[in-house]
C-alpha atoms as a PDB file:
ATOM      1  CA  MET A   1     -12.534  -4.439 -10.461  1.00  0.00           C
ATOM      2  CA  ILE A   2      -9.674  -4.083  -8.009  1.00  0.00           C
ATOM      3  CA  VAL A   3      -6.686  -1.796  -8.600  1.00  0.00           C
ATOM      4  CA  ARG A   4      -3.810  -0.877  -6.352  1.00  0.00           C
ATOM      5  CA  ALA A   5      -4.273   2.504  -4.688  1.00  0.00           C
ATOM      6  CA  VAL A   6      -1.247   4.708  -5.240  1.00  0.00           C
ATOM      7  CA  ASP A   7      -3.179   7.605  -3.654  1.00  0.00           C
ATOM      8  CA  VAL A   8      -3.729   5.900  -0.259  1.00  0.00           C
ATOM      9  CA  PRO A   9      -0.980   5.315   2.324  1.00  0.00           C
ATOM     10  CA  SER A  10       0.106   1.805   3.170  1.00  0.00           C
ATOM     11  CA  TRP A  11       0.046   0.710   6.798  1.00  0.00           C
ATOM     12  CA  VAL A  12       3.244  -0.707   8.284  1.00  0.00           C
ATOM     13  CA  ASN A  13       2.905  -2.303  11.702  1.00  0.00           C
ATOM     14  CA  LEU A  14       6.353  -1.411  13.033  1.00  0.00           C
ATOM     15  CA  PRO A  15       7.480   0.651  16.044  1.00  0.00           C
ATOM     16  CA  LEU A  16       8.852   3.679  14.142  1.00  0.00           C
ATOM     17  CA  SER A  17       9.597   7.286  15.009  1.00  0.00           C
ATOM     18  CA  PRO A  18       6.890   9.734  13.852  1.00  0.00           C
ATOM     19  CA  GLU A  19       9.270  11.068  11.184  1.00  0.00           C
ATOM     20  CA  LEU A  20      10.036   7.665   9.694  1.00  0.00           C
ATOM     21  CA  ARG A  21       6.380   6.587   9.981  1.00  0.00           C
ATOM     22  CA  ALA A  22       5.404   9.642   7.916  1.00  0.00           C
ATOM     23  CA  LYS A  23       7.952   8.702   5.252  1.00  0.00           C
ATOM     24  CA  VAL A  24       6.805   5.071   5.230  1.00  0.00           C
ATOM     25  CA  SER A  25       3.146   6.133   5.009  1.00  0.00           C
ATOM     26  CA  SER A  26       3.741   8.017   1.754  1.00  0.00           C
ATOM     27  CA  PRO A  27       1.827   6.314  -1.068  1.00  0.00           C
ATOM     28  CA  ASP A  28       4.927   6.758  -3.233  1.00  0.00           C
ATOM     29  CA  LEU A  29       7.109   4.448  -1.122  1.00  0.00           C
ATOM     30  CA  PHE A  30       5.542   1.124  -2.170  1.00  0.00           C
ATOM     31  CA  GLY A  31       3.557   2.268  -5.213  1.00  0.00           C
ATOM     32  CA  ALA A  32       4.878   2.081  -8.733  1.00  0.00           C
ATOM     33  CA  GLY A  33       4.114   4.157 -11.776  1.00  0.00           C
ATOM     34  CA  VAL A  34       0.910   3.922 -13.741  1.00  0.00           C
ATOM     35  CA  ALA A  35       0.840   3.480 -17.514  1.00  0.00           C
ATOM     36  CA  PRO A  36      -0.656   6.331 -19.560  1.00  0.00           C
ATOM     37  CA  GLY A  37      -4.438   6.020 -19.349  1.00  0.00           C
ATOM     38  CA  GLY A  38      -4.065   3.486 -16.547  1.00  0.00           C
ATOM     39  CA  CYS A  39      -5.834   3.565 -13.241  1.00  0.00           C
ATOM     40  CA  ALA A  40      -4.369   2.983  -9.788  1.00  0.00           C
ATOM     41  CA  ASP A  41      -6.281   5.605  -7.837  1.00  0.00           C
ATOM     42  CA  ALA A  42      -9.760   6.755  -6.843  1.00  0.00           C
ATOM     43  CA  THR A  43     -10.560   7.780 -10.428  1.00  0.00           C
ATOM     44  CA  LEU A  44     -11.639   4.143 -10.757  1.00  0.00           C
ATOM     45  CA  TYR A  45     -15.007   5.154  -9.290  1.00  0.00           C
ATOM     46  CA  SER A  46     -15.716   7.985 -11.745  1.00  0.00           C
ATOM     47  CA  ARG A  47     -14.523   5.768 -14.600  1.00  0.00           C
ATOM     48  CA  PHE A  48     -17.273   3.313 -13.671  1.00  0.00           C
ATOM     49  CA  VAL A  49     -19.844   6.129 -13.741  1.00  0.00           C
ATOM     50  CA  ASN A  50     -18.502   7.455 -17.056  1.00  0.00           C
ATOM     51  CA  ALA A  51     -18.710   3.941 -18.538  1.00  0.00           C
ATOM     52  CA  GLY A  52     -22.434   3.918 -17.755  1.00  0.00           C
ATOM     53  CA  LEU A  53     -22.263   1.370 -14.955  1.00  0.00           C
ATOM     54  CA  GLY A  54     -24.925   1.544 -12.269  1.00  0.00           C
ATOM     55  CA  GLN A  55     -25.681   0.107  -8.848  1.00  0.00           C
ATOM     56  CA  LEU A  56     -22.136   1.021  -7.871  1.00  0.00           C
ATOM     57  CA  ARG A  57     -20.397  -0.366  -4.834  1.00  0.00           C
ATOM     58  CA  CYS A  58     -17.100   1.403  -4.196  1.00  0.00           C
ATOM     59  CA  LEU A  59     -14.622   0.825  -1.393  1.00  0.00           C
ATOM     60  CA  THR A  60     -10.991   0.838  -0.375  1.00  0.00           C
ATOM     61  CA  GLN A  61      -9.566  -2.473   0.785  1.00  0.00           C
ATOM     62  CA  PHE A  62      -6.191  -3.487   2.218  1.00  0.00           C
ATOM     63  CA  ASN A  63      -4.217  -6.598   1.309  1.00  0.00           C
ATOM     64  CA  THR A  64      -2.074  -7.609   4.269  1.00  0.00           C
ATOM     65  CA  VAL A  65       1.379  -8.972   3.476  1.00  0.00           C
ATOM     66  CA  THR A  66       2.772 -11.082   6.342  1.00  0.00           C
ATOM     67  CA  PRO A  67       6.165 -12.672   7.096  1.00  0.00           C
ATOM     68  CA  GLU A  68       4.977 -15.971   5.606  1.00  0.00           C
ATOM     69  CA  GLU A  69       4.957 -14.317   2.178  1.00  0.00           C
ATOM     70  CA  PRO A  70       8.231 -13.665   0.327  1.00  0.00           C
ATOM     71  CA  ARG A  71       6.745 -10.386  -0.895  1.00  0.00           C
ATOM     72  CA  LEU A  72       7.072  -8.873   2.603  1.00  0.00           C
ATOM     73  CA  ARG A  73      10.877  -9.093   2.473  1.00  0.00           C
ATOM     74  CA  MET A  74      10.840  -7.532  -1.005  1.00  0.00           C
ATOM     75  CA  LEU A  75       8.729  -4.591   0.225  1.00  0.00           C
ATOM     76  CA  GLN A  76      10.958  -4.128   3.271  1.00  0.00           C
ATOM     77  CA  GLN A  77      14.049  -3.997   1.042  1.00  0.00           C
ATOM     78  CA  GLN A  78      12.322  -1.632  -1.391  1.00  0.00           C
ATOM     79  CA  ALA A  79      11.714   0.785   1.482  1.00  0.00           C
ATOM     80  CA  VAL A  80      15.378   0.723   2.563  1.00  0.00           C
ATOM     81  CA  ALA A  81      16.377   2.128  -0.828  1.00  0.00           C
ATOM     82  CA  ALA A  82      14.527   5.366   0.047  1.00  0.00           C
ATOM     83  CA  PHE A  83      16.066   5.748   3.518  1.00  0.00           C
ATOM     84  CA  SER A  84      19.145   7.420   4.935  1.00  0.00           C
ATOM     85  CA  ALA A  85      21.601   5.170   6.799  1.00  0.00           C
ATOM     86  CA  ASN A  86      20.056   6.186  10.146  1.00  0.00           C
ATOM     87  CA  GLU A  87      16.521   5.524   8.887  1.00  0.00           C
ATOM     88  CA  ALA A  88      17.574   2.158   7.444  1.00  0.00           C
ATOM     89  CA  SER A  89      19.038   1.178  10.813  1.00  0.00           C
ATOM     90  CA  GLN A  90      15.846   2.188  12.631  1.00  0.00           C
ATOM     91  CA  TRP A  91      13.768   0.328  10.035  1.00  0.00           C
ATOM     92  CA  GLN A  92      15.785  -2.881  10.393  1.00  0.00           C
ATOM     93  CA  HIS A  93      15.638  -2.712  14.202  1.00  0.00           C
ATOM     94  CA  ALA A  94      11.850  -2.188  14.074  1.00  0.00           C
ATOM     95  CA  ILE A  95      11.443  -5.180  11.713  1.00  0.00           C
ATOM     96  CA  GLU A  96      13.469  -7.409  14.035  1.00  0.00           C
ATOM     97  CA  GLN A  97      11.433  -6.269  17.038  1.00  0.00           C
ATOM     98  CA  ALA A  98       8.069  -6.809  15.305  1.00  0.00           C
ATOM     99  CA  GLU A  99       9.101 -10.176  13.882  1.00  0.00           C
ATOM    100  CA  GLY A 100      10.235 -11.251  17.343  1.00  0.00           C
ATOM    101  CA  GLU A 101       6.781 -10.335  18.671  1.00  0.00           C
ATOM    102  CA  GLY A 102       5.002 -11.905  15.683  1.00  0.00           C
ATOM    103  CA  THR A 103       3.338  -8.575  14.780  1.00  0.00           C
ATOM    104  CA  SER A 104       5.105  -7.619  11.538  1.00  0.00           C
ATOM    105  CA  PHE A 105       3.016  -6.849   8.449  1.00  0.00           C
ATOM    106  CA  ILE A 106       2.456  -4.318   5.681  1.00  0.00           C
ATOM    107  CA  ALA A 107      -1.087  -3.569   4.522  1.00  0.00           C
ATOM    108  CA  MET A 108      -1.256  -2.492   0.877  1.00  0.00           C
ATOM    109  CA  PRO A 109      -4.269  -0.380  -0.233  1.00  0.00           C
ATOM    110  CA  HIS A 110      -6.519  -1.169  -3.197  1.00  0.00           C
ATOM    111  CA  HIS A 111      -9.549   0.563  -4.689  1.00  0.00           C
ATOM    112  CA  CYS A 112     -12.479  -1.735  -5.467  1.00  0.00           C
ATOM    113  CA  ALA A 113     -15.559  -1.060  -7.576  1.00  0.00           C
ATOM    114  CA  ILE A 114     -18.503  -3.202  -8.635  1.00  0.00           C
ATOM    115  CA  GLY A 115     -21.119  -2.012 -11.106  1.00  0.00           C
ATOM    116  CA  THR A 116     -23.695  -3.312 -13.542  1.00  0.00           C
ATOM    117  CA  LYS A 117     -24.431  -2.336 -17.107  1.00  0.00           C
ATOM    118  CA  GLY A 118     -27.956  -1.437 -18.095  1.00  0.00           C
END
Protein backbone atom coordinates (compact mmCIF):
# COMPACT_ATOMS: atom_id res chain seq x y z
CA MET A 1 0.00 0.00 0.00
CA ILE A 2 1.21 3.50 -0.76
CA VAL A 3 -0.27 6.62 0.85
CA ARG A 4 0.79 10.23 0.65
CA ALA A 5 2.79 11.33 3.69
CA VAL A 6 1.33 14.48 5.20
CA ASP A 7 3.77 14.10 8.12
CA VAL A 8 6.96 14.29 5.99
CA PRO A 9 8.25 17.47 4.33
CA SER A 10 8.31 17.75 0.57
CA TRP A 11 11.59 18.63 -1.13
CA VAL A 12 11.62 21.61 -3.49
CA ASN A 13 14.76 22.03 -5.57
CA LEU A 14 14.76 25.83 -5.75
CA PRO A 15 17.29 28.45 -4.59
CA LEU A 16 15.27 29.87 -1.66
CA SER A 17 16.10 31.85 1.46
CA PRO A 18 16.27 29.71 4.63
CA GLU A 19 13.03 31.31 5.86
CA LEU A 20 11.07 30.53 2.70
CA ARG A 21 12.63 27.05 2.45
CA ALA A 22 11.36 26.33 5.98
CA LYS A 23 7.86 27.43 4.98
CA VAL A 24 7.96 25.38 1.78
CA SER A 25 9.23 22.32 3.67
CA SER A 26 6.17 22.27 5.94
CA PRO A 27 4.15 19.11 5.27
CA ASP A 28 1.02 21.27 5.38
CA LEU A 29 1.94 23.30 2.28
CA PHE A 30 1.28 20.61 -0.34
CA GLY A 31 -0.68 18.11 1.76
CA ALA A 32 -4.44 18.04 1.93
CA GLY A 33 -6.77 16.89 4.65
CA VAL A 34 -7.39 13.28 5.52
CA ALA A 35 -10.88 11.80 5.81
CA PRO A 36 -11.95 10.56 9.25
CA GLY A 37 -10.35 7.15 9.78
CA GLY A 38 -8.13 7.74 6.76
CA CYS A 39 -4.41 7.30 6.63
CA ALA A 40 -1.83 9.64 5.10
CA ASP A 41 0.92 9.32 7.69
CA ALA A 42 3.25 6.87 9.40
CA THR A 43 0.34 5.21 11.22
CA LEU A 44 0.13 3.11 8.05
CA TYR A 45 2.84 0.87 9.52
CA SER A 46 1.10 0.19 12.84
CA ARG A 47 -2.18 -0.34 10.97
CA PHE A 48 -0.49 -3.17 9.09
CA VAL A 49 0.66 -4.71 12.38
CA ASN A 50 -2.79 -4.27 13.95
CA ALA A 51 -4.38 -5.95 10.91
CA GLY A 52 -2.25 -9.03 11.60
CA LEU A 53 0.05 -8.63 8.61
CA GLY A 54 3.54 -10.05 8.89
CA GLN A 55 6.86 -9.96 7.06
CA LEU A 56 6.49 -6.19 6.94
CA ARG A 57 8.51 -3.98 4.66
CA CYS A 58 8.01 -0.31 5.48
CA LEU A 59 9.60 2.71 3.84
CA THR A 60 9.17 6.32 2.84
CA GLN A 61 9.41 7.06 -0.87
CA PHE A 62 9.36 10.29 -2.87
CA ASN A 63 7.51 10.88 -6.13
CA THR A 64 9.34 13.53 -8.13
CA VAL A 65 7.18 15.98 -10.08
CA THR A 66 9.11 17.61 -12.94
CA PRO A 67 8.39 20.47 -15.38
CA GLU A 68 7.18 17.97 -17.98
CA GLU A 69 4.17 17.24 -15.77
CA PRO A 70 1.28 19.73 -15.56
CA ARG A 71 1.00 18.89 -11.86
CA LEU A 72 4.23 20.81 -11.13
CA ARG A 73 2.65 24.12 -12.18
CA MET A 74 -0.41 23.33 -10.04
CA LEU A 75 1.78 22.68 -6.98
CA GLN A 76 3.78 25.85 -7.60
CA GLN A 77 0.57 27.90 -7.78
CA GLN A 78 -0.81 26.18 -4.67
CA ALA A 79 2.27 27.30 -2.75
CA VAL A 80 1.88 30.94 -3.85
CA ALA A 81 -1.50 31.07 -2.11
CA ALA A 82 0.28 30.61 1.25
CA PHE A 83 2.93 33.29 0.62
CA SER A 84 3.22 37.00 1.26
CA ALA A 85 3.81 39.21 -1.80
CA ASN A 86 7.57 39.26 -1.09
CA GLU A 87 7.69 35.47 -0.68
CA ALA A 88 5.67 34.98 -3.88
CA SER A 89 8.13 37.17 -5.77
CA GLN A 90 11.11 35.21 -4.40
CA TRP A 91 9.34 31.94 -5.23
CA GLN A 92 8.63 32.97 -8.82
CA HIS A 93 12.21 34.19 -9.33
CA ALA A 94 13.57 30.89 -7.94
CA ILE A 95 11.29 28.88 -10.27
CA GLU A 96 12.47 30.87 -13.29
CA GLN A 97 16.11 30.39 -12.29
CA ALA A 98 15.74 26.63 -11.72
CA GLU A 99 13.74 26.12 -14.91
CA GLY A 100 16.41 28.02 -16.83
CA GLU A 101 19.02 25.64 -15.41
CA GLY A 102 16.81 22.58 -15.96
CA THR A 103 16.89 21.71 -12.23
CA SER A 104 13.32 22.45 -11.12
CA PHE A 105 11.33 19.74 -9.34
CA ILE A 106 9.21 19.00 -6.28
CA ALA A 107 9.55 15.64 -4.54
CA MET A 108 6.35 14.54 -2.80
CA PRO A 109 6.65 12.05 0.11
CA HIS A 110 4.70 8.80 0.41
CA HIS A 111 4.62 6.06 3.04
CA CYS A 112 4.82 2.52 1.65
CA ALA A 113 4.10 -0.78 3.39
CA ILE A 114 4.05 -4.38 2.21
CA GLY A 115 2.87 -7.24 4.40
CA THR A 116 1.48 -10.75 4.20
CA LYS A 117 -1.44 -12.35 5.96
CA GLY A 118 -0.93 -15.60 7.80
